Amino acid sequence: MDVIHVCLNVSDADTTAQWYIDQLGFEKSWEFTTEDGETRNVYVADGNGIELQLSDTEGEDEFEAGTAWDHFAVKVDDVDAAFEDIENHGVVQEPAPNKPAGARTAFIEDPDGHVVELVEPQE
């Protein structure tokens, strides 16, 4: 069994896709619109082929994350440099050691407030 994608509801699929492309190095992989024409889904993929499905439904632009969703993580070579370089839309946690995880981490928000963890594994 393999993870192929995670779906995020977003207010503007193009804007959010461009953020993941420009800031995290993802690539646009494909897109489709539902048969009723109300929801456009734009997919961006990381270097391993795992995709984010950015689902943009007409008229929906505010989302409640609830308690079941927290964040997703991306590996970076240097968490401090990535944190400084990435145009974030909110800082949840600045770079800091995460000794139990064996990493240095930071948490930021994408354009729709989804939390992204930046992880620099430590040796």
Protein backbone atom coordinates (compact mmCIF):
# COMPACT_ATOMS: atom_id res chain seq x y z
CA MET A 1 0.00 0.00 0.00
CA ASP A 2 1.34 3.45 -0.93
CA VAL A 3 0.22 6.98 -0.10
CA ILE A 4 -0.63 8.69 -3.39
CA HIS A 5 -2.18 12.00 -2.32
CA VAL A 6 -3.63 14.13 0.44
CA CYS A 7 -6.58 16.43 -0.35
CA LEU A 8 -6.65 19.98 1.03
CA ASN A 9 -9.68 22.24 0.60
CA VAL A 10 -8.44 25.63 -0.61
CA SER A 11 -9.96 28.97 -1.55
CA ASP A 12 -7.99 29.36 -4.81
CA ALA A 13 -6.33 26.29 -6.30
CA ASP A 14 -4.06 28.27 -8.62
CA THR A 15 -2.74 30.56 -5.88
CA THR A 16 -2.15 27.70 -3.46
CA ALA A 17 -0.59 25.46 -6.13
CA GLN A 18 1.79 28.25 -7.09
CA TRP A 19 2.78 28.67 -3.42
CA TYR A 20 3.67 24.97 -3.13
CA ILE A 21 5.59 25.18 -6.42
CA ASP A 22 7.49 28.39 -5.64
CA GLN A 23 8.08 27.90 -1.94
CA LEU A 24 8.47 24.14 -1.49
CA GLY A 25 9.63 22.98 -4.93
CA PHE A 26 6.57 20.89 -5.82
CA GLU A 27 5.56 20.48 -9.48
CA LYS A 28 2.07 20.72 -10.97
CA SER A 29 1.11 17.21 -12.04
CA TRP A 30 -2.48 17.38 -13.32
CA GLU A 31 -5.96 18.74 -12.69
CA PHE A 32 -9.62 18.02 -13.25
CA THR A 33 -12.98 19.67 -12.67
CA THR A 34 -15.94 17.73 -11.29
CA GLU A 35 -18.77 16.94 -13.69
CA ASP A 36 -21.04 19.55 -12.09
CA GLY A 37 -18.34 22.18 -12.75
CA GLU A 38 -18.30 23.35 -9.14
CA THR A 39 -15.01 21.90 -7.89
CA ARG A 40 -11.63 22.23 -9.54
CA ASN A 41 -8.85 19.94 -8.32
CA VAL A 42 -5.24 20.89 -9.00
CA TYR A 43 -2.52 18.39 -8.08
CA VAL A 44 1.05 19.23 -7.14
CA ALA A 45 3.66 16.55 -6.47
CA ASP A 46 6.86 16.38 -4.47
CA GLY A 47 10.04 14.81 -5.84
CA ASN A 48 8.87 11.36 -4.72
CA GLY A 49 5.57 11.62 -6.61
CA ILE A 50 3.34 12.08 -3.56
CA GLU A 51 0.66 14.58 -4.48
CA LEU A 52 -1.39 17.25 -2.77
CA GLN A 53 -4.86 17.54 -4.25
CA LEU A 54 -5.87 21.19 -3.90
CA SER A 55 -9.66 21.19 -4.05
CA ASP A 56 -11.26 24.54 -4.91
CA THR A 57 -15.08 24.52 -4.66
CA GLU A 58 -17.02 27.49 -6.03
CA GLY A 59 -18.04 29.86 -3.24
CA GLU A 60 -16.13 28.12 -0.46
CA ASP A 61 -13.23 30.11 0.93
CA GLU A 62 -13.24 29.55 4.69
CA PHE A 63 -12.46 26.19 6.25
CA GLU A 64 -12.44 24.84 9.77
CA ALA A 65 -9.59 22.42 10.33
CA GLY A 66 -11.26 20.64 13.24
CA THR A 67 -9.32 18.39 15.55
CA ALA A 68 -8.62 15.45 13.22
CA TRP A 69 -6.14 17.33 11.04
CA ASP A 70 -2.95 18.88 12.38
CA HIS A 71 -0.20 19.24 9.76
CA PHE A 72 1.87 17.51 7.14
CA ALA A 73 5.66 17.48 6.99
CA VAL A 74 8.24 18.09 4.29
CA LYS A 75 11.92 17.27 4.57
CA VAL A 76 14.36 20.16 4.02
CA ASP A 77 18.16 20.25 4.02
CA ASP A 78 18.38 23.31 6.31
CA VAL A 79 15.29 24.22 8.35
CA ASP A 80 16.59 27.67 9.29
CA ALA A 81 17.35 28.62 5.67
CA ALA A 82 14.03 27.20 4.45
CA PHE A 83 12.15 29.05 7.18
CA GLU A 84 13.80 32.33 6.14
CA ASP A 85 13.30 31.73 2.40
CA ILE A 86 9.69 30.52 2.34
CA GLU A 87 7.02 33.19 2.05
CA ASN A 88 4.71 31.86 4.73
CA HIS A 89 1.21 32.96 5.63
CA GLY A 90 1.66 32.48 9.34
CA VAL A 91 4.33 31.20 11.70
CA VAL A 92 3.17 28.50 14.08
CA GLN A 93 6.65 27.68 15.45
CA GLU A 94 10.04 29.09 14.56
CA PRO A 95 12.93 26.67 13.96
CA ALA A 96 13.85 24.72 17.07
CA PRO A 97 15.39 21.40 18.05
CA ASN A 98 12.92 18.52 18.34
CA LYS A 99 15.11 16.04 20.23
CA PRO A 100 12.50 13.24 20.54
CA ALA A 101 12.07 13.29 16.73
CA GLY A 102 15.81 13.57 16.07
CA ALA A 103 15.24 16.66 13.97
CA ARG A 104 15.20 20.43 13.85
CA THR A 105 11.71 21.60 12.92
CA ALA A 106 9.59 24.66 12.17
CA PHE A 107 5.87 25.03 11.43
CA ILE A 108 4.36 27.51 8.96
CA GLU A 109 1.00 28.04 7.25
CA ASP A 110 0.18 27.92 3.54
CA PRO A 111 -2.15 30.52 1.93
CA ASP A 112 -5.25 28.76 3.34
CA GLY A 113 -3.87 28.21 6.83
CA HIS A 114 -2.88 24.53 6.46
CA VAL A 115 0.07 23.85 8.74
CA VAL A 116 3.27 22.62 7.09
CA GLU A 117 6.11 21.25 9.20
CA LEU A 118 9.62 21.78 7.87
CA VAL A 119 11.87 18.93 9.05
CA GLU A 120 15.66 18.83 8.99
CA PRO A 121 16.72 15.37 10.20
CA GLN A 122 19.66 15.48 12.61
CA GLU A 123 22.37 12.87 12.65
